[in-house]
Protein backbone atom coordinates (compact mmCIF):
# COMPACT_ATOMS: atom_id res chain seq x y z
CA UNK A 1 19.21 29.86 2.65
CA UNK A 2 21.47 28.16 0.30
CA UNK A 3 24.19 25.98 1.54
CA UNK A 4 27.23 24.35 -0.99
CA UNK A 5 28.38 21.20 -0.23
CA UNK A 6 32.26 20.82 -1.93
CA UNK A 7 32.85 17.07 -2.64
CA UNK A 8 34.53 14.96 -5.58
CA UNK A 9 32.71 12.03 -4.89
CA UNK A 10 29.19 13.53 -4.56
CA UNK A 11 27.06 13.01 -8.00
CA UNK A 12 23.30 13.84 -6.83
CA UNK A 13 22.14 12.42 -10.17
CA UNK A 14 23.77 9.08 -10.13
CA UNK A 15 23.31 8.91 -5.94
CA UNK A 16 19.11 9.72 -6.23
CA UNK A 17 18.50 7.29 -9.27
CA UNK A 18 20.72 4.19 -8.65
CA UNK A 19 17.83 2.45 -7.04
CA UNK A 20 18.74 3.01 -3.06
CA UNK A 21 15.63 5.72 -2.93
CA UNK A 22 12.22 6.92 -4.99
CA UNK A 23 11.23 10.15 -3.63
CA UNK A 24 13.45 12.40 -5.88
CA UNK A 25 12.41 13.96 -8.58
CA UNK A 26 14.37 15.50 -11.14
CA UNK A 27 13.31 18.75 -12.66
CA UNK A 28 14.21 19.70 -16.56
CA UNK A 29 16.60 21.50 -15.03
CA UNK A 30 18.58 19.16 -13.53
CA UNK A 31 17.29 20.21 -9.96
CA UNK A 32 16.17 17.34 -7.91
CA UNK A 33 13.05 18.30 -5.39
CA UNK A 34 12.46 15.52 -2.59
CA UNK A 35 11.42 14.68 0.76
CA UNK A 36 13.00 13.58 3.88
CA UNK A 37 12.13 12.98 7.33
CA UNK A 38 9.26 15.50 6.99
CA UNK A 39 11.77 18.43 5.42
CA UNK A 40 11.47 19.21 1.76
CA UNK A 41 14.54 20.12 -0.19
CA UNK A 42 15.74 20.98 -3.82
CA UNK A 43 19.24 20.28 -4.53
CA UNK A 44 21.31 21.34 -7.91
CA UNK A 45 24.83 20.37 -8.76
CA UNK A 46 27.94 22.11 -10.65
CA UNK A 47 30.75 20.25 -10.92
CA UNK A 48 31.79 19.02 -6.90
CA UNK A 49 29.62 21.74 -6.14
CA UNK A 50 25.99 20.94 -4.66
CA UNK A 51 23.67 23.54 -3.24
CA UNK A 52 20.85 22.93 -1.22
CA UNK A 53 18.34 25.13 -1.98
CA UNK A 54 15.78 26.95 0.90
CA UNK A 55 17.68 24.88 3.69
CA UNK A 56 17.39 25.89 6.83
CA UNK A 57 20.83 26.47 9.01
CA UNK A 58 19.92 24.33 11.52
CA UNK A 59 18.85 21.04 9.60
CA UNK A 60 22.20 21.57 8.08
CA UNK A 61 23.88 18.50 10.17
CA UNK A 62 20.59 16.59 9.51
CA UNK A 63 21.58 16.59 5.65
CA UNK A 64 25.10 16.03 6.00
CA UNK A 65 24.32 13.11 8.23
CA UNK A 66 21.69 12.22 5.16
CA UNK A 67 24.66 12.37 2.35
CA UNK A 68 26.85 10.20 4.40
CA UNK A 69 29.09 13.56 3.74
CA UNK A 70 31.44 11.92 6.75
CA UNK A 71 32.24 8.87 5.19
CA UNK A 72 35.57 8.77 3.16
CA UNK A 73 34.49 7.21 -0.16
CA UNK A 74 37.63 8.26 -1.64
CA UNK A 75 39.14 5.26 0.52
CA UNK A 76 36.53 2.65 -0.21
CA UNK A 77 37.05 3.48 -4.38
CA UNK A 78 41.06 3.31 -3.70
CA UNK A 79 40.42 -0.24 -1.61
CA UNK A 80 38.34 -1.21 -4.42
CA UNK A 81 39.90 -0.29 -7.45
CA UNK A 82 42.60 -3.42 -6.62
CA UNK A 83 40.50 -5.32 -8.73
CA UNK A 84 40.33 -4.98 -12.26
CA UNK A 85 36.08 -5.16 -12.87
CA UNK A 86 35.87 -2.92 -9.67
CA UNK A 87 38.41 -0.36 -10.80
CA UNK A 88 36.29 0.27 -13.92
CA UNK A 89 32.70 0.81 -12.36
CA UNK A 90 34.33 2.83 -9.45
CA UNK A 91 35.88 5.28 -12.05
CA UNK A 92 32.85 5.03 -13.78
CA UNK A 93 30.96 5.79 -11.30
CA UNK A 94 32.72 7.12 -8.34
CA UNK A 95 29.99 9.83 -7.20
CA UNK A 96 27.65 7.38 -5.53
CA UNK A 97 26.92 8.02 -2.05
CA UNK A 98 24.83 5.62 0.32
CA UNK A 99 22.48 7.39 1.84
CA UNK A 100 21.44 7.28 5.24
CA UNK A 101 18.02 6.52 5.01
CA UNK A 102 15.11 6.22 7.44
CA UNK A 103 14.23 2.56 8.66
CA UNK A 104 10.46 2.43 8.61
CA UNK A 105 10.28 4.63 4.92
CA UNK A 106 13.31 2.08 3.56
CA UNK A 107 11.87 -1.28 4.57
CA UNK A 108 8.04 -0.49 3.29
CA UNK A 109 9.67 1.37 -0.04
CA UNK A 110 11.62 -2.15 -1.04
CA UNK A 111 8.79 -4.30 0.22
CA UNK A 112 7.00 -2.18 -2.55
CA UNK A 113 9.86 -2.57 -5.39
CA UNK A 114 9.09 -6.33 -5.21
CA UNK A 115 8.75 -7.64 -8.90
CA UNK A 116 8.33 -3.78 -9.57
CA UNK A 117 9.97 -0.78 -11.84
CA UNK A 118 10.79 2.36 -10.82
CA UNK A 119 7.66 4.40 -12.17
CA UNK A 120 5.71 2.02 -10.88
CA UNK A 121 7.39 2.08 -6.92
CA UNK A 122 7.45 5.85 -7.16
CA UNK A 123 3.60 6.06 -7.83
CA UNK A 124 2.76 3.65 -5.23
CA UNK A 125 4.68 5.40 -2.37
CA UNK A 126 3.15 9.02 -3.54
CA UNK A 127 -0.34 7.60 -3.17
CA UNK A 128 0.80 5.90 0.32
CA UNK A 129 2.16 9.41 1.49
CA UNK A 130 -0.63 11.23 0.22
CA UNK A 131 -2.91 9.09 1.50
CA UNK A 132 -1.43 8.73 5.03
CA UNK A 133 1.36 10.91 5.57
CA UNK A 134 1.62 14.60 6.81
CA UNK A 135 0.96 17.61 4.47
CA UNK A 136 4.16 19.73 4.69
CA UNK A 137 2.61 22.50 2.61
CA UNK A 138 0.84 20.61 -0.47
CA UNK A 139 3.75 17.63 -0.48
CA UNK A 140 3.18 14.50 1.88
CA UNK A 141 6.01 13.47 4.18
CA UNK A 142 6.17 9.28 4.23
CA UNK A 143 3.76 8.41 7.00
CA UNK A 144 4.91 6.80 10.44
CA UNK A 145 4.45 3.80 11.51
CA UNK A 146 1.97 5.05 14.21
CA UNK A 147 -0.12 7.02 11.34
CA UNK A 148 -0.15 3.29 9.53
CA UNK A 149 -1.24 1.65 12.65
CA UNK A 150 -4.37 -0.67 12.38
CA UNK A 151 -4.47 -0.01 8.62
CA UNK A 152 -5.43 -3.27 6.78
CA UNK A 153 -4.87 -4.77 3.31
CA UNK A 154 -8.42 -3.17 1.97
CA UNK A 155 -7.37 0.33 3.72
CA UNK A 156 -4.13 0.36 0.89
CA UNK A 157 -6.89 -0.29 -2.04
CA UNK A 158 -5.79 3.19 -2.92
CA UNK A 159 -2.29 3.04 -3.18
CA UNK A 160 -2.61 -0.15 -6.34
CA UNK A 161 0.07 -2.36 -4.33
CA UNK A 162 -1.64 -5.58 -5.64
CA UNK A 163 -0.03 -8.20 -3.38
CA UNK A 164 2.20 -6.61 -1.29
CA UNK A 165 -0.49 -4.61 0.31
CA UNK A 166 -0.50 -7.46 2.82
CA UNK A 167 3.36 -7.18 3.34
CA UNK A 168 3.07 -3.73 4.12
CA UNK A 169 0.41 -4.08 6.79
CA UNK A 170 2.27 -7.37 8.25
CA UNK A 171 5.40 -4.84 8.40
CA UNK A 172 3.62 -2.06 10.44
CA UNK A 173 2.01 -4.52 12.90
CA UNK A 174 5.82 -6.41 13.69
CA UNK A 175 7.09 -2.91 13.92
CA UNK A 176 4.38 -1.83 16.17
CA UNK A 177 4.09 -3.97 18.33
CA UNK A 178 8.81 -4.89 19.20
CA UNK A 179 8.72 -7.91 17.12
CA UNK A 180 10.74 -6.56 14.42
CA UNK A 181 12.43 -3.92 16.65
CA UNK A 182 15.13 -1.42 14.66
CA UNK A 183 17.28 -0.47 18.01
CA UNK A 184 17.68 -4.15 18.23
CA UNK A 185 18.38 -4.59 14.21
CA UNK A 186 21.06 -1.90 14.51
CA UNK A 187 23.22 -3.73 16.67
CA UNK A 188 23.14 -7.28 15.21
CA UNK A 189 25.44 -8.29 12.59
CA UNK A 190 24.35 -8.36 9.00
CA UNK A 191 23.22 -12.20 9.44
CA UNK A 192 21.41 -12.22 12.29
CA UNK A 193 20.15 -8.71 11.31
CA UNK A 194 18.64 -9.51 8.21
CA UNK A 195 16.95 -13.28 9.55
CA UNK A 196 15.31 -10.27 12.12
CA UNK A 197 13.94 -8.33 9.13
CA UNK A 198 12.74 -11.74 7.10
CA UNK A 199 10.06 -12.47 9.91
CA UNK A 200 7.97 -10.05 8.30
CA UNK A 201 6.15 -11.87 5.79
CA UNK A 202 7.17 -11.56 2.34
CA UNK A 203 10.57 -9.72 3.48
CA UNK A 204 13.54 -12.30 2.16
CA UNK A 205 16.90 -11.83 1.50
CA UNK A 206 16.91 -9.25 -0.96
CA UNK A 207 14.43 -6.61 0.51
CA UNK A 208 16.55 -7.43 3.98
CA UNK A 209 19.72 -6.30 2.84
CA UNK A 210 18.66 -3.32 0.85
CA UNK A 211 17.04 -2.08 4.51
CA UNK A 212 20.60 -2.92 6.22
CA UNK A 213 22.40 -1.74 3.92
CA UNK A 214 20.52 1.38 2.77
CA UNK A 215 19.15 2.16 6.53
CA UNK A 216 21.28 0.78 8.76
CA UNK A 217 24.43 1.85 7.08
CA UNK A 218 25.58 -1.83 7.23
CA UNK A 219 28.48 -1.63 4.20
CA UNK A 220 28.93 -5.45 4.25
CA UNK A 221 25.69 -5.91 3.23
CA UNK A 222 25.02 -7.32 -0.51
CA UNK A 223 21.54 -7.20 -2.30
CA UNK A 224 21.50 -9.38 -5.00
CA UNK A 225 18.47 -8.35 -7.65
CA UNK A 226 18.59 -10.07 -11.11
CA UNK A 227 21.09 -7.37 -12.34
CA UNK A 228 23.52 -8.29 -9.63
CA UNK A 229 22.96 -12.08 -9.80
CA UNK A 230 24.09 -11.93 -13.64
CA UNK A 231 27.54 -9.55 -12.29
CA UNK A 232 28.10 -12.33 -9.81
CA UNK A 233 28.02 -14.87 -12.51
CA UNK A 234 29.73 -13.34 -15.61
CA UNK A 235 33.09 -11.86 -13.26
CA UNK A 236 32.89 -13.14 -10.26
CA UNK A 237 31.39 -16.87 -10.50
CA UNK A 238 33.72 -17.81 -6.93
CA UNK A 239 32.51 -14.86 -5.21
CA UNK A 240 33.68 -11.05 -4.78
CA UNK A 241 37.28 -10.65 -4.69
CA UNK A 242 38.76 -9.74 -0.82
CA UNK A 243 39.06 -6.06 -1.63
CA UNK A 244 35.77 -5.76 -0.95
CA UNK A 245 35.24 -7.41 2.39
CA UNK A 246 33.77 -5.12 4.81
CA UNK A 247 32.17 -2.95 2.20
CA UNK A 248 30.52 -5.25 -0.17
CA UNK A 249 27.41 -3.42 -0.41
CA UNK A 250 29.32 -0.16 -1.47
CA UNK A 251 31.01 -2.59 -4.24
CA UNK A 252 28.06 -3.69 -5.22
CA UNK A 253 26.37 0.07 -5.70
CA UNK A 254 29.25 0.57 -8.10
CA UNK A 255 29.27 -2.39 -10.31
CA UNK A 256 25.30 -2.47 -10.09
CA UNK A 257 25.49 1.38 -11.56
CA UNK A 258 28.16 0.77 -13.92
CA UNK A 259 26.96 -2.67 -15.57
CA UNK A 260 23.31 -1.16 -15.66
CA UNK A 261 24.01 2.33 -17.24
CA UNK A 262 27.47 2.15 -19.19
CA UNK A 263 29.32 -1.11 -19.48
């Protein structure tokens, strides 16, 4: 069946291509296809109407949660627009939503993202899924921590992930053993949760904050990559404005998209 979402603050292209996820592919017709939680779906857009194609009725609540449809982004935009620069960024990038992603997939994906470009990140993740994930009809789900348990860096050689292979192995080990406990992290404030994730070899502040923002929906997490550091140096040398408090991660997405693509 098809399911139509009406939402003025949902731009699928901006949301899927803003750097928060890596498994959505855009077709020549503007149709996006992706695999989330072992479910394969296609999504298209016409104005403010987003259509989910070939979706099972019982899965609609899953997709509504994944697309964060219960969150008031218009309210975020109203609050952030008190700042001149953010007002421009919000106006230009108002369709970005923070996807609610699965923690293990997000962790491994952002470990892979380090010092990497998006096509290569997507290629490594694709090979990871094909080698170790579940076949769901010719496409592959992201492997679970159980499916990756016991793998060595040598086992990951087909991924061509380079130095990141040993970080992936360490992440699997620490998640599997409970040293890094997702339920515990979910209940912690950002600063403490960040330190828990940094117990994994190769996970620094930026990767940890990406996981906290995109998997745990901690909207006060503020990942800083090269682009964001430039934004901060140029526009906010004294720190973010007061209007971003508690939703710094949302502000980061609007600013990142605006400066990288539009400004």
